[in-house]
Amino acid sequence: MYLDVIELRDFYRTLLGSVVARKVGTAVAALGRPEPSARVLGFGFVTPYLGSLRGTVERVLAFMPAGQGVLDWPPEHPSATALVHEDQLPLSDASVDWIYLIHALEMSARPQVLMEELRRVLSPGGRIVAVLPNRQGPWARSDISPFGFGRPFSRGQAKRLFNSVGFQAEQWTSALHMPPVRSAPLLRATVPLDRVGAELWPAFSGVICVRATKRTEYVAAVRKQRVLSPAFRPALNPTPGLAGRSPG
């Protein structure tokens, strides 16, 4: 179940939200950057992380799922956002080159269906970057941030999901190695806390980030809809008194 878009917006306006955006954004940037000719799509609530790409690539779009709601973005510019259904994206096949998934897979009721639809709109050899709550980390067990909602992932679970829909996971990073706190003094000390956490307990990061590439040899399974037939077919009973009577 998706969080409401207002809750997500308000979180990123807080001091903790700005710290999270900076830490996660650094981990995402370490996974590579789209080339200038790339068409980029963000799905979920990705706008805090897309601003640095505007003006450096051909275009940037931000799709927000219907269960979440949508906000206009970017401010003071023509809107690049749209409210969409996760299994019916309003894009043609192979129309984008990079996709960023944040606050998306863990909240989707059908993550495999979402991934299949994202694969459809991704160009051959295109890349997808996903940020996922770490099942082993303390952030997945706290409602202090949006990463405490939905279904957390381990690396193995994320890799299996990506493989099942024709993606090859190639590179991993992590972020939020400090404990989830709102205290301003502790947040101001996030640099040393994060460094210590990354060295002492790297497996317990708040999020895991993965970059995967679309495999061109993958053949999607055809989903067949089951059509149920009635067990009994009612027979037409003749109207009493009309049996055997000829018309007319």
C-alpha atoms as a PDB file:
ATOM      1  CA  MET A   1       0.000   0.000   0.000  1.00  0.00           C
ATOM      2  CA  TYR A   2       1.409   3.351  -1.069  1.00  0.00           C
ATOM      3  CA  LEU A   3       1.909   6.196   1.376  1.00  0.00           C
ATOM      4  CA  ASP A   4      -0.004   9.379   0.649  1.00  0.00           C
ATOM      5  CA  VAL A   5       1.938  11.853  -1.450  1.00  0.00           C
ATOM      6  CA  ILE A   6       1.418  14.607   1.134  1.00  0.00           C
ATOM      7  CA  GLU A   7       3.092  12.491   3.829  1.00  0.00           C
ATOM      8  CA  LEU A   8       6.053  11.904   1.526  1.00  0.00           C
ATOM      9  CA  ARG A   9       6.328  15.565   0.599  1.00  0.00           C
ATOM     10  CA  ASP A  10       6.153  16.663   4.228  1.00  0.00           C
ATOM     11  CA  PHE A  11       8.814  14.149   5.268  1.00  0.00           C
ATOM     12  CA  TYR A  12      11.320  15.501   2.747  1.00  0.00           C
ATOM     13  CA  ARG A  13      10.697  19.030   4.037  1.00  0.00           C
ATOM     14  CA  THR A  14      12.011  18.095   7.492  1.00  0.00           C
ATOM     15  CA  LEU A  15      15.623  18.125   8.661  1.00  0.00           C
ATOM     16  CA  LEU A  16      15.624  14.324   8.706  1.00  0.00           C
ATOM     17  CA  GLY A  17      14.191  14.251   5.182  1.00  0.00           C
ATOM     18  CA  SER A  18      16.925  16.517   3.852  1.00  0.00           C
ATOM     19  CA  VAL A  19      19.577  14.308   5.479  1.00  0.00           C
ATOM     20  CA  VAL A  20      17.979  11.175   3.964  1.00  0.00           C
ATOM     21  CA  ALA A  21      17.793  12.777   0.508  1.00  0.00           C
ATOM     22  CA  ARG A  22      21.465  13.741   0.678  1.00  0.00           C
ATOM     23  CA  LYS A  23      22.691  10.333   1.902  1.00  0.00           C
ATOM     24  CA  VAL A  24      20.517   8.284  -0.452  1.00  0.00           C
ATOM     25  CA  GLY A  25      21.232  10.638  -3.349  1.00  0.00           C
ATOM     26  CA  THR A  26      24.975  10.099  -2.900  1.00  0.00           C
ATOM     27  CA  ALA A  27      24.503   6.307  -2.975  1.00  0.00           C
ATOM     28  CA  VAL A  28      22.331   6.545  -6.080  1.00  0.00           C
ATOM     29  CA  ALA A  29      24.860   8.777  -7.862  1.00  0.00           C
ATOM     30  CA  ALA A  30      27.574   6.185  -7.190  1.00  0.00           C
ATOM     31  CA  LEU A  31      25.661   3.762  -9.428  1.00  0.00           C
ATOM     32  CA  GLY A  32      26.305   5.856 -12.515  1.00  0.00           C
ATOM     33  CA  ARG A  33      24.764   8.768 -14.339  1.00  0.00           C
ATOM     34  CA  PRO A  34      22.648   8.822 -17.510  1.00  0.00           C
ATOM     35  CA  GLU A  35      24.294  10.083 -20.663  1.00  0.00           C
ATOM     36  CA  PRO A  36      23.173  13.515 -22.017  1.00  0.00           C
ATOM     37  CA  SER A  37      20.964  11.918 -24.691  1.00  0.00           C
ATOM     38  CA  ALA A  38      19.090   9.735 -22.173  1.00  0.00           C
ATOM     39  CA  ARG A  39      15.363   9.861 -21.496  1.00  0.00           C
ATOM     40  CA  VAL A  40      14.840   9.402 -17.755  1.00  0.00           C
ATOM     41  CA  LEU A  41      11.760   8.217 -15.866  1.00  0.00           C
ATOM     42  CA  GLY A  42      11.247   8.296 -12.117  1.00  0.00           C
ATOM     43  CA  PHE A  43       8.522   6.115 -10.590  1.00  0.00           C
ATOM     44  CA  GLY A  44       7.180   6.317  -7.034  1.00  0.00           C
ATOM     45  CA  PHE A  45       8.168   9.450  -5.124  1.00  0.00           C
ATOM     46  CA  VAL A  46      11.445  10.317  -6.808  1.00  0.00           C
ATOM     47  CA  THR A  47      11.330  14.093  -7.211  1.00  0.00           C
ATOM     48  CA  PRO A  48      13.753  14.801  -4.313  1.00  0.00           C
ATOM     49  CA  TYR A  49      16.352  12.842  -6.290  1.00  0.00           C
ATOM     50  CA  LEU A  50      15.647  13.950  -9.864  1.00  0.00           C
ATOM     51  CA  GLY A  51      16.491  17.641  -9.594  1.00  0.00           C
ATOM     52  CA  SER A  52      20.191  17.143 -10.304  1.00  0.00           C
ATOM     53  CA  LEU A  53      19.367  15.445 -13.617  1.00  0.00           C
ATOM     54  CA  ARG A  54      17.245  18.262 -15.039  1.00  0.00           C
ATOM     55  CA  GLY A  55      19.115  20.078 -17.788  1.00  0.00           C
ATOM     56  CA  THR A  56      21.738  17.329 -18.106  1.00  0.00           C
ATOM     57  CA  VAL A  57      19.672  14.752 -20.049  1.00  0.00           C
ATOM     58  CA  GLU A  58      17.190  14.880 -22.931  1.00  0.00           C
ATOM     59  CA  ARG A  59      14.130  14.732 -20.656  1.00  0.00           C
ATOM     60  CA  VAL A  60      13.042  13.794 -17.148  1.00  0.00           C
ATOM     61  CA  LEU A  61       9.575  12.502 -16.259  1.00  0.00           C
ATOM     62  CA  ALA A  62       8.179  11.663 -12.825  1.00  0.00           C
ATOM     63  CA  PHE A  63       5.314   9.152 -12.663  1.00  0.00           C
ATOM     64  CA  MET A  64       3.460   8.776  -9.376  1.00  0.00           C
ATOM     65  CA  PRO A  65       1.195   5.755  -8.733  1.00  0.00           C
ATOM     66  CA  ALA A  66      -2.547   6.233  -8.401  1.00  0.00           C
ATOM     67  CA  GLY A  67      -2.547   4.765  -4.894  1.00  0.00           C
ATOM     68  CA  GLN A  68      -0.139   7.468  -3.754  1.00  0.00           C
ATOM     69  CA  GLY A  69      -1.344  10.633  -5.450  1.00  0.00           C
ATOM     70  CA  VAL A  70       0.568  13.195  -7.470  1.00  0.00           C
ATOM     71  CA  LEU A  71       2.157  16.604  -6.933  1.00  0.00           C
ATOM     72  CA  ASP A  72       3.186  19.112  -9.550  1.00  0.00           C
ATOM     73  CA  TRP A  73       6.928  19.133 -10.244  1.00  0.00           C
ATOM     74  CA  PRO A  74       9.256  20.897 -10.915  1.00  0.00           C
ATOM     75  CA  PRO A  75       8.188  24.195  -9.353  1.00  0.00           C
ATOM     76  CA  GLU A  76       8.078  27.228 -11.634  1.00  0.00           C
ATOM     77  CA  HIS A  77       8.561  25.075 -14.726  1.00  0.00           C
ATOM     78  CA  PRO A  78       6.247  23.085 -17.020  1.00  0.00           C
ATOM     79  CA  SER A  79       4.996  20.047 -15.137  1.00  0.00           C
ATOM     80  CA  ALA A  80       6.841  16.755 -15.692  1.00  0.00           C
ATOM     81  CA  THR A  81       4.655  14.648 -13.383  1.00  0.00           C
ATOM     82  CA  ALA A  82       1.702  12.367 -14.095  1.00  0.00           C
ATOM     83  CA  LEU A  83      -0.646  10.162 -12.065  1.00  0.00           C
ATOM     84  CA  VAL A  84      -0.501   6.627 -13.485  1.00  0.00           C
ATOM     85  CA  HIS A  85      -1.541   3.035 -12.902  1.00  0.00           C
ATOM     86  CA  GLU A  86       1.522   0.899 -12.293  1.00  0.00           C
ATOM     87  CA  ASP A  87       0.466  -1.735 -14.832  1.00  0.00           C
ATOM     88  CA  GLN A  88      -0.552   0.729 -17.581  1.00  0.00           C
ATOM     89  CA  LEU A  89       2.122   3.368 -18.036  1.00  0.00           C
ATOM     90  CA  PRO A  90       1.216   5.932 -20.737  1.00  0.00           C
ATOM     91  CA  LEU A  91       4.441   5.354 -22.669  1.00  0.00           C
ATOM     92  CA  SER A  92       5.254   3.411 -25.798  1.00  0.00           C
ATOM     93  CA  ASP A  93       7.565   0.397 -25.769  1.00  0.00           C
ATOM     94  CA  ALA A  94      11.294   1.114 -25.323  1.00  0.00           C
ATOM     95  CA  SER A  95      10.690   4.853 -24.871  1.00  0.00           C
ATOM     96  CA  VAL A  96      13.005   5.575 -21.889  1.00  0.00           C
ATOM     97  CA  ASP A  97      16.652   4.756 -21.188  1.00  0.00           C
ATOM     98  CA  TRP A  98      16.964   5.046 -17.390  1.00  0.00           C
ATOM     99  CA  ILE A  99      14.368   4.432 -14.676  1.00  0.00           C
ATOM    100  CA  TYR A 100      14.677   5.402 -11.014  1.00  0.00           C
ATOM    101  CA  LEU A 101      12.497   3.572  -8.459  1.00  0.00           C
ATOM    102  CA  ILE A 102      12.209   5.098  -4.989  1.00  0.00           C
ATOM    103  CA  HIS A 103       9.344   4.535  -2.521  1.00  0.00           C
ATOM    104  CA  ALA A 104       7.834   2.201  -5.098  1.00  0.00           C
ATOM    105  CA  LEU A 105       8.652  -1.525  -5.133  1.00  0.00           C
ATOM    106  CA  GLU A 106       8.265  -2.013  -1.391  1.00  0.00           C
ATOM    107  CA  MET A 107       4.806  -0.391  -1.460  1.00  0.00           C
ATOM    108  CA  SER A 108       3.447  -2.039  -4.596  1.00  0.00           C
ATOM    109  CA  ALA A 109       0.925  -4.843  -4.098  1.00  0.00           C
ATOM    110  CA  ARG A 110       2.226  -6.438  -7.324  1.00  0.00           C
ATOM    111  CA  PRO A 111       5.946  -5.655  -7.622  1.00  0.00           C
ATOM    112  CA  GLN A 112       6.521  -8.214 -10.380  1.00  0.00           C
ATOM    113  CA  VAL A 113       3.729  -6.726 -12.514  1.00  0.00           C
ATOM    114  CA  LEU A 114       5.192  -3.267 -11.952  1.00  0.00           C
ATOM    115  CA  MET A 115       8.657  -4.469 -12.967  1.00  0.00           C
ATOM    116  CA  GLU A 116       7.283  -6.105 -16.121  1.00  0.00           C
ATOM    117  CA  GLU A 117       5.592  -2.855 -17.138  1.00  0.00           C
ATOM    118  CA  LEU A 118       8.752  -0.866 -16.449  1.00  0.00           C
ATOM    119  CA  ARG A 119      10.685  -3.357 -18.546  1.00  0.00           C
ATOM    120  CA  ARG A 120       8.273  -2.784 -21.416  1.00  0.00           C
ATOM    121  CA  VAL A 121       8.939   0.956 -21.566  1.00  0.00           C
ATOM    122  CA  LEU A 122      12.712   0.600 -21.054  1.00  0.00           C
ATOM    123  CA  SER A 123      14.928   0.566 -24.134  1.00  0.00           C
ATOM    124  CA  PRO A 124      17.107  -2.497 -24.931  1.00  0.00           C
ATOM    125  CA  GLY A 125      20.107  -2.405 -22.619  1.00  0.00           C
ATOM    126  CA  GLY A 126      18.446   0.330 -20.570  1.00  0.00           C
ATOM    127  CA  ARG A 127      19.145   0.641 -16.863  1.00  0.00           C
ATOM    128  CA  ILE A 128      16.991   0.727 -13.781  1.00  0.00           C
ATOM    129  CA  VAL A 129      18.090   2.021 -10.376  1.00  0.00           C
ATOM    130  CA  ALA A 130      16.067   0.976  -7.332  1.00  0.00           C
ATOM    131  CA  VAL A 131      16.288   2.122  -3.719  1.00  0.00           C
ATOM    132  CA  LEU A 132      14.826  -0.463  -1.329  1.00  0.00           C
ATOM    133  CA  PRO A 133      14.419  -0.647   2.453  1.00  0.00           C
ATOM    134  CA  ASN A 134      16.957  -3.132   3.805  1.00  0.00           C
ATOM    135  CA  ARG A 135      15.246  -6.047   5.530  1.00  0.00           C
ATOM    136  CA  GLN A 136      18.156  -6.354   7.972  1.00  0.00           C
ATOM    137  CA  GLY A 137      18.379  -2.666   8.804  1.00  0.00           C
ATOM    138  CA  PRO A 138      16.755  -0.708  11.653  1.00  0.00           C
ATOM    139  CA  TRP A 139      15.107   1.803   9.295  1.00  0.00           C
ATOM    140  CA  ALA A 140      12.710  -0.895   8.031  1.00  0.00           C
ATOM    141  CA  ARG A 141      11.535  -1.400  11.628  1.00  0.00           C
ATOM    142  CA  SER A 142      10.883   2.258  12.361  1.00  0.00           C
ATOM    143  CA  ASP A 143       8.087   4.484  11.110  1.00  0.00           C
ATOM    144  CA  ILE A 144      10.285   7.564  11.435  1.00  0.00           C
ATOM    145  CA  SER A 145      10.714   7.624   7.636  1.00  0.00           C
ATOM    146  CA  PRO A 146       8.897   6.280   4.560  1.00  0.00           C
ATOM    147  CA  PHE A 147      11.441   3.437   4.439  1.00  0.00           C
ATOM    148  CA  GLY A 148       9.656   1.910   7.444  1.00  0.00           C
ATOM    149  CA  PHE A 149       6.529   1.168   5.404  1.00  0.00           C
ATOM    150  CA  GLY A 150       5.809  -1.589   2.928  1.00  0.00           C
ATOM    151  CA  ARG A 151       7.825  -4.725   2.204  1.00  0.00           C
ATOM    152  CA  PRO A 152      11.591  -4.523   2.882  1.00  0.00           C
ATOM    153  CA  PHE A 153      14.051  -6.481   0.743  1.00  0.00           C
ATOM    154  CA  SER A 154      17.286  -8.370   1.209  1.00  0.00           C
ATOM    155  CA  ARG A 155      19.830  -8.328  -1.604  1.00  0.00           C
ATOM    156  CA  GLY A 156      18.914 -11.893  -2.478  1.00  0.00           C
ATOM    157  CA  GLN A 157      15.209 -11.094  -2.703  1.00  0.00           C
ATOM    158  CA  ALA A 158      15.839  -8.030  -4.851  1.00  0.00           C
ATOM    159  CA  LYS A 159      18.135  -9.984  -7.151  1.00  0.00           C
ATOM    160  CA  ARG A 160      15.579 -12.775  -7.599  1.00  0.00           C
ATOM    161  CA  LEU A 161      12.822 -10.287  -8.399  1.00  0.00           C
ATOM    162  CA  PHE A 162      14.965  -8.534 -10.994  1.00  0.00           C
ATOM    163  CA  ASN A 163      16.076 -11.815 -12.573  1.00  0.00           C
ATOM    164  CA  SER A 164      12.488 -13.067 -12.796  1.00  0.00           C
ATOM    165  CA  VAL A 165      11.497 -10.188 -15.073  1.00  0.00           C
ATOM    166  CA  GLY A 166      14.563 -10.023 -17.286  1.00  0.00           C
ATOM    167  CA  PHE A 167      17.021  -7.728 -15.489  1.00  0.00           C
ATOM    168  CA  GLN A 168      20.622  -8.373 -14.535  1.00  0.00           C
ATOM    169  CA  ALA A 169      21.677  -6.744 -11.258  1.00  0.00           C
ATOM    170  CA  GLU A 170      25.145  -5.287 -11.844  1.00  0.00           C
ATOM    171  CA  GLN A 171      26.102  -2.916  -9.047  1.00  0.00           C
ATOM    172  CA  TRP A 172      25.078  -2.343  -5.433  1.00  0.00           C
ATOM    173  CA  THR A 173      25.480   0.454  -2.923  1.00  0.00           C
ATOM    174  CA  SER A 174      23.895   1.218   0.448  1.00  0.00           C
ATOM    175  CA  ALA A 175      22.975   4.261   2.527  1.00  0.00           C
ATOM    176  CA  LEU A 176      21.686   5.343   5.937  1.00  0.00           C
ATOM    177  CA  HIS A 177      24.187   3.523   8.136  1.00  0.00           C
ATOM    178  CA  MET A 178      23.316   5.700  11.123  1.00  0.00           C
ATOM    179  CA  PRO A 179      20.327   4.938  13.392  1.00  0.00           C
ATOM    180  CA  PRO A 180      16.914   6.414  12.497  1.00  0.00           C
ATOM    181  CA  VAL A 181      16.574   9.471  14.751  1.00  0.00           C
ATOM    182  CA  ARG A 182      14.875  12.865  14.575  1.00  0.00           C
ATOM    183  CA  SER A 183      17.087  14.571  17.158  1.00  0.00           C
ATOM    184  CA  ALA A 184      18.685  17.653  15.592  1.00  0.00           C
ATOM    185  CA  PRO A 185      22.004  17.274  17.502  1.00  0.00           C
ATOM    186  CA  LEU A 186      22.331  13.660  16.368  1.00  0.00           C
ATOM    187  CA  LEU A 187      21.393  14.550  12.813  1.00  0.00           C
ATOM    188  CA  ARG A 188      24.136  17.164  12.771  1.00  0.00           C
ATOM    189  CA  ALA A 189      26.549  14.370  13.652  1.00  0.00           C
ATOM    190  CA  THR A 190      25.417  12.121  10.777  1.00  0.00           C
ATOM    191  CA  VAL A 191      28.729  12.277   8.918  1.00  0.00           C
ATOM    192  CA  PRO A 192      30.801  10.499  11.616  1.00  0.00           C
ATOM    193  CA  LEU A 193      27.843   8.265  12.605  1.00  0.00           C
ATOM    194  CA  ASP A 194      27.321   7.195   9.013  1.00  0.00           C
ATOM    195  CA  ARG A 195      31.032   6.530   8.527  1.00  0.00           C
ATOM    196  CA  VAL A 196      31.226   4.408  11.666  1.00  0.00           C
ATOM    197  CA  GLY A 197      28.108   2.474  10.680  1.00  0.00           C
ATOM    198  CA  ALA A 198      29.405   1.801   7.181  1.00  0.00           C
ATOM    199  CA  GLU A 199      32.601   0.344   8.640  1.00  0.00           C
ATOM    200  CA  LEU A 200      31.190  -1.602  11.599  1.00  0.00           C
ATOM    201  CA  TRP A 201      27.814  -2.853  10.351  1.00  0.00           C
ATOM    202  CA  PRO A 202      27.537  -2.394   6.553  1.00  0.00           C
ATOM    203  CA  ALA A 203      24.950  -5.192   6.265  1.00  0.00           C
ATOM    204  CA  PHE A 204      22.546  -3.213   8.468  1.00  0.00           C
ATOM    205  CA  SER A 205      22.186  -0.114   6.326  1.00  0.00           C
ATOM    206  CA  GLY A 206      18.811   1.568   6.085  1.00  0.00           C
ATOM    207  CA  VAL A 207      18.500   1.058   2.337  1.00  0.00           C
ATOM    208  CA  ILE A 208      20.092  -0.980  -0.416  1.00  0.00           C
ATOM    209  CA  CYS A 209      20.493   0.511  -3.880  1.00  0.00           C
ATOM    210  CA  VAL A 210      20.894  -1.544  -7.025  1.00  0.00           C
ATOM    211  CA  ARG A 211      21.513  -0.790 -10.692  1.00  0.00           C
ATOM    212  CA  ALA A 212      20.317  -3.412 -13.153  1.00  0.00           C
ATOM    213  CA  THR A 213      20.334  -3.707 -16.944  1.00  0.00           C
ATOM    214  CA  LYS A 214      17.520  -4.948 -19.151  1.00  0.00           C
ATOM    215  CA  ARG A 215      18.431  -8.310 -20.686  1.00  0.00           C
ATOM    216  CA  THR A 216      17.480  -8.446 -24.346  1.00  0.00           C
ATOM    217  CA  GLU A 217      17.208 -12.260 -24.472  1.00  0.00           C
ATOM    218  CA  TYR A 218      14.434 -12.372 -21.884  1.00  0.00           C
ATOM    219  CA  VAL A 219      11.032 -13.608 -23.086  1.00  0.00           C
ATOM    220  CA  ALA A 220       8.141 -12.473 -20.924  1.00  0.00           C
ATOM    221  CA  ALA A 221       5.691 -15.099 -19.794  1.00  0.00           C
ATOM    222  CA  VAL A 222       2.209 -14.646 -21.201  1.00  0.00           C
ATOM    223  CA  ARG A 223      -0.305 -14.133 -18.444  1.00  0.00           C
ATOM    224  CA  LYS A 224      -3.538 -15.984 -19.195  1.00  0.00           C
ATOM    225  CA  GLN A 225      -6.746 -14.891 -17.584  1.00  0.00           C
ATOM    226  CA  ARG A 226      -8.793 -17.775 -16.248  1.00  0.00           C
ATOM    227  CA  VAL A 227     -12.339 -17.861 -17.584  1.00  0.00           C
ATOM    228  CA  LEU A 228     -14.672 -19.855 -15.389  1.00  0.00           C
ATOM    229  CA  SER A 229     -17.445 -21.829 -17.068  1.00  0.00           C
ATOM    230  CA  PRO A 230     -20.650 -22.638 -15.192  1.00  0.00           C
ATOM    231  CA  ALA A 231     -20.817 -26.210 -13.923  1.00  0.00           C
ATOM    232  CA  PHE A 232     -24.462 -26.506 -14.956  1.00  0.00           C
ATOM    233  CA  ARG A 233     -26.180 -24.997 -17.957  1.00  0.00           C
ATOM    234  CA  PRO A 234     -29.887 -24.300 -17.352  1.00  0.00           C
ATOM    235  CA  ALA A 235     -32.261 -25.819 -19.866  1.00  0.00           C
ATOM    236  CA  LEU A 236     -35.123 -23.799 -21.322  1.00  0.00           C
ATOM    237  CA  ASN A 237     -38.414 -25.143 -20.028  1.00  0.00           C
ATOM    238  CA  PRO A 238     -41.304 -24.937 -22.462  1.00  0.00           C
ATOM    239  CA  THR A 239     -44.169 -22.718 -21.395  1.00  0.00           C
ATOM    240  CA  PRO A 240     -47.045 -24.879 -20.096  1.00  0.00           C
ATOM    241  CA  GLY A 241     -49.766 -25.324 -22.657  1.00  0.00           C
ATOM    242  CA  LEU A 242     -47.518 -24.302 -25.570  1.00  0.00           C
ATOM    243  CA  ALA A 243     -45.567 -27.534 -26.003  1.00  0.00           C
ATOM    244  CA  GLY A 244     -46.102 -29.011 -29.438  1.00  0.00           C
ATOM    245  CA  ARG A 245     -48.211 -26.069 -30.642  1.00  0.00           C
ATOM    246  CA  SER A 246     -47.175 -24.786 -34.024  1.00  0.00           C
ATOM    247  CA  PRO A 247     -46.828 -21.071 -34.522  1.00  0.00           C
ATOM    248  CA  GLY A 248     -49.641 -19.191 -35.724  1.00  0.00           C
END
